[in-house]
C-alpha atoms as a PDB file:
ATOM      1  CA  MET A   1      -0.359  11.059   9.186  1.00  0.00           C
ATOM      2  CA  THR A   2       0.277  12.629   5.784  1.00  0.00           C
ATOM      3  CA  THR A   3       1.570  10.442   2.990  1.00  0.00           C
ATOM      4  CA  ALA A   4       4.941  11.073   1.345  1.00  0.00           C
ATOM      5  CA  THR A   5       3.215  12.150  -1.865  1.00  0.00           C
ATOM      6  CA  THR A   6       1.664  15.143  -0.074  1.00  0.00           C
ATOM      7  CA  VAL A   7       4.946  16.305   1.437  1.00  0.00           C
ATOM      8  CA  PRO A   8       6.169  19.366  -0.480  1.00  0.00           C
ATOM      9  CA  ARG A   9       9.152  18.772  -2.733  1.00  0.00           C
ATOM     10  CA  ILE A  10      11.373  21.238  -0.821  1.00  0.00           C
ATOM     11  CA  VAL A  11      10.811  19.269   2.416  1.00  0.00           C
ATOM     12  CA  ARG A  12      11.512  15.933   0.700  1.00  0.00           C
ATOM     13  CA  ARG A  13      14.696  17.431  -0.774  1.00  0.00           C
ATOM     14  CA  TYR A  14      15.802  18.577   2.689  1.00  0.00           C
ATOM     15  CA  PHE A  15      15.818  14.990   3.966  1.00  0.00           C
ATOM     16  CA  GLU A  16      17.432  13.692   0.774  1.00  0.00           C
ATOM     17  CA  LEU A  17      20.270  16.222   0.908  1.00  0.00           C
ATOM     18  CA  ALA A  18      20.836  16.609   4.667  1.00  0.00           C
ATOM     19  CA  PRO A  19      22.881  13.372   4.997  1.00  0.00           C
ATOM     20  CA  SER A  20      24.627  13.950   1.651  1.00  0.00           C
ATOM     21  CA  LYS A  21      28.184  15.156   1.202  1.00  0.00           C
ATOM     22  CA  ASP A  22      26.895  17.596  -1.445  1.00  0.00           C
ATOM     23  CA  THR A  23      26.743  20.521   0.939  1.00  0.00           C
ATOM     24  CA  GLU A  24      26.224  23.159  -1.761  1.00  0.00           C
ATOM     25  CA  ALA A  25      22.994  21.495  -2.897  1.00  0.00           C
ATOM     26  CA  TYR A  26      21.914  21.327   0.759  1.00  0.00           C
ATOM     27  CA  PHE A  27      22.639  25.020   1.376  1.00  0.00           C
ATOM     28  CA  ALA A  28      20.838  25.960  -1.848  1.00  0.00           C
ATOM     29  CA  LEU A  29      17.638  24.736  -0.164  1.00  0.00           C
ATOM     30  CA  PHE A  30      17.703  27.718   2.198  1.00  0.00           C
ATOM     31  CA  ALA A  31      16.684  31.307   1.491  1.00  0.00           C
ATOM     32  CA  ARG A  32      19.552  33.780   2.006  1.00  0.00           C
ATOM     33  CA  ASP A  33      17.783  35.176   5.079  1.00  0.00           C
ATOM     34  CA  ALA A  34      16.583  31.807   6.399  1.00  0.00           C
ATOM     35  CA  LEU A  35      16.387  31.026  10.096  1.00  0.00           C
ATOM     36  CA  VAL A  36      17.281  27.659  11.616  1.00  0.00           C
ATOM     37  CA  GLU A  37      16.774  26.876  15.290  1.00  0.00           C
ATOM     38  CA  ASP A  38      18.530  23.832  16.746  1.00  0.00           C
ATOM     39  CA  GLU A  39      19.166  22.952  20.386  1.00  0.00           C
ATOM     40  CA  GLY A  40      17.730  26.294  21.471  1.00  0.00           C
ATOM     41  CA  GLU A  41      20.124  28.368  19.339  1.00  0.00           C
ATOM     42  CA  GLU A  42      19.047  30.415  16.328  1.00  0.00           C
ATOM     43  CA  TYR A  43      21.108  30.747  13.156  1.00  0.00           C
ATOM     44  CA  ALA A  44      19.974  33.620  10.940  1.00  0.00           C
ATOM     45  CA  GLY A  45      21.191  33.915   7.361  1.00  0.00           C
ATOM     46  CA  ILE A  46      22.949  31.464   5.115  1.00  0.00           C
ATOM     47  CA  GLU A  47      26.447  32.084   6.550  1.00  0.00           C
ATOM     48  CA  ALA A  48      25.242  31.355  10.093  1.00  0.00           C
ATOM     49  CA  ILE A  49      23.480  28.242   8.789  1.00  0.00           C
ATOM     50  CA  ARG A  50      26.750  27.123   7.154  1.00  0.00           C
ATOM     51  CA  THR A  51      28.562  27.561  10.488  1.00  0.00           C
ATOM     52  CA  TRP A  52      25.865  25.605  12.350  1.00  0.00           C
ATOM     53  CA  ARG A  53      25.906  22.803   9.815  1.00  0.00           C
ATOM     54  CA  ALA A  54      29.690  22.421  10.051  1.00  0.00           C
ATOM     55  CA  GLU A  55      29.252  21.605  13.749  1.00  0.00           C
ATOM     56  CA  VAL A  56      26.384  19.113  13.346  1.00  0.00           C
ATOM     57  CA  PRO A  57      27.260  15.417  12.930  1.00  0.00           C
ATOM     58  CA  ARG A  58      26.029  13.707   9.765  1.00  0.00           C
ATOM     59  CA  VAL A  59      23.056  11.520  10.540  1.00  0.00           C
ATOM     60  CA  GLN A  60      20.608   9.277   8.750  1.00  0.00           C
ATOM     61  CA  TYR A  61      16.929  10.188   8.913  1.00  0.00           C
ATOM     62  CA  ALA A  62      13.980   7.819   9.177  1.00  0.00           C
ATOM     63  CA  ILE A  63      10.751   9.790   8.858  1.00  0.00           C
ATOM     64  CA  THR A  64       8.149   8.454  11.270  1.00  0.00           C
ATOM     65  CA  GLY A  65       5.436  11.076  10.912  1.00  0.00           C
ATOM     66  CA  VAL A  66       4.307  14.118   8.964  1.00  0.00           C
ATOM     67  CA  GLU A  67       1.547  16.463  10.013  1.00  0.00           C
ATOM     68  CA  PRO A  68       0.342  19.925   9.073  1.00  0.00           C
ATOM     69  CA  ALA A  69       0.997  22.690  11.594  1.00  0.00           C
ATOM     70  CA  GLY A  70      -0.594  26.030  10.816  1.00  0.00           C
ATOM     71  CA  GLU A  71       0.741  27.002   7.410  1.00  0.00           C
ATOM     72  CA  GLY A  72       3.750  24.747   7.875  1.00  0.00           C
ATOM     73  CA  LEU A  73       4.580  21.131   8.412  1.00  0.00           C
ATOM     74  CA  VAL A  74       6.098  19.064  11.232  1.00  0.00           C
ATOM     75  CA  VAL A  75       8.188  16.067  10.226  1.00  0.00           C
ATOM     76  CA  THR A  76       9.072  13.630  13.002  1.00  0.00           C
ATOM     77  CA  CYS A  77      12.211  11.525  12.546  1.00  0.00           C
ATOM     78  CA  THR A  78      14.448   9.006  14.172  1.00  0.00           C
ATOM     79  CA  ILE A  79      18.032  10.047  13.596  1.00  0.00           C
ATOM     80  CA  THR A  80      20.971   7.675  13.686  1.00  0.00           C
ATOM     81  CA  GLY A  81      24.650   8.591  13.593  1.00  0.00           C
ATOM     82  CA  ASN A  82      27.886   8.936  15.482  1.00  0.00           C
ATOM     83  CA  PHE A  83      26.654  10.878  18.515  1.00  0.00           C
ATOM     84  CA  PRO A  84      25.790  10.026  22.132  1.00  0.00           C
ATOM     85  CA  GLY A  85      22.260   8.673  22.442  1.00  0.00           C
ATOM     86  CA  SER A  86      22.030   7.392  18.878  1.00  0.00           C
ATOM     87  CA  PRO A  87      19.507   6.477  17.663  1.00  0.00           C
ATOM     88  CA  PHE A  88      17.289   9.330  18.810  1.00  0.00           C
ATOM     89  CA  ALA A  89      13.557   8.925  18.151  1.00  0.00           C
ATOM     90  CA  GLY A  90      11.020  11.711  18.015  1.00  0.00           C
ATOM     91  CA  LEU A  91      13.097  14.624  16.720  1.00  0.00           C
ATOM     92  CA  LYS A  92      10.699  17.146  15.181  1.00  0.00           C
ATOM     93  CA  PHE A  93      11.525  19.341  12.205  1.00  0.00           C
ATOM     94  CA  HIS A  94       9.122  22.296  12.154  1.00  0.00           C
ATOM     95  CA  PHE A  95       9.131  23.695   8.622  1.00  0.00           C
ATOM     96  CA  GLU A  96       7.328  26.908   9.543  1.00  0.00           C
ATOM     97  CA  ARG A  97       7.929  28.894   6.363  1.00  0.00           C
ATOM     98  CA  PHE A  98       8.936  27.622   2.943  1.00  0.00           C
ATOM     99  CA  ASP A  99       8.009  27.904  -0.688  1.00  0.00           C
ATOM    100  CA  ASP A 100       8.648  25.693  -3.707  1.00  0.00           C
ATOM    101  CA  ASP A 101      12.324  26.674  -3.825  1.00  0.00           C
ATOM    102  CA  HIS A 102      13.531  27.538  -0.322  1.00  0.00           C
ATOM    103  CA  VAL A 103      13.211  26.781   3.349  1.00  0.00           C
ATOM    104  CA  LYS A 104      12.761  30.079   5.188  1.00  0.00           C
ATOM    105  CA  VAL A 105      12.196  28.995   8.817  1.00  0.00           C
ATOM    106  CA  LEU A 106      13.130  25.588  10.237  1.00  0.00           C
ATOM    107  CA  ARG A 107      13.010  24.796  13.936  1.00  0.00           C
ATOM    108  CA  ILE A 108      14.457  21.457  15.097  1.00  0.00           C
ATOM    109  CA  ARG A 109      13.176  20.322  18.496  1.00  0.00           C
ATOM    110  CA  PRO A 110      12.991  17.140  20.542  1.00  0.00           C
END
């Protein structure tokens, strides 16, 4: 398992801002042409990501693992919130492409 100090800042910021009400700071994490996959659906571009996010319940994240995957990173979390099946352990966030400033490809999978 990778320690928190080796997790890139952009990935740490994702988990800091995702449960926040500051949605503009959250959306600023994504490249304009970013791709997010969640529950088998793909959302391409920042406007599609905004639409997706409006439909997703706010949750709290407890990171339980971090491991390199190719040129990316997989962060495993337990999420807790107001949704059926909460808490849900083992949700994997595949940060496939990112740089210091933006997430470019994120795939969320059980």
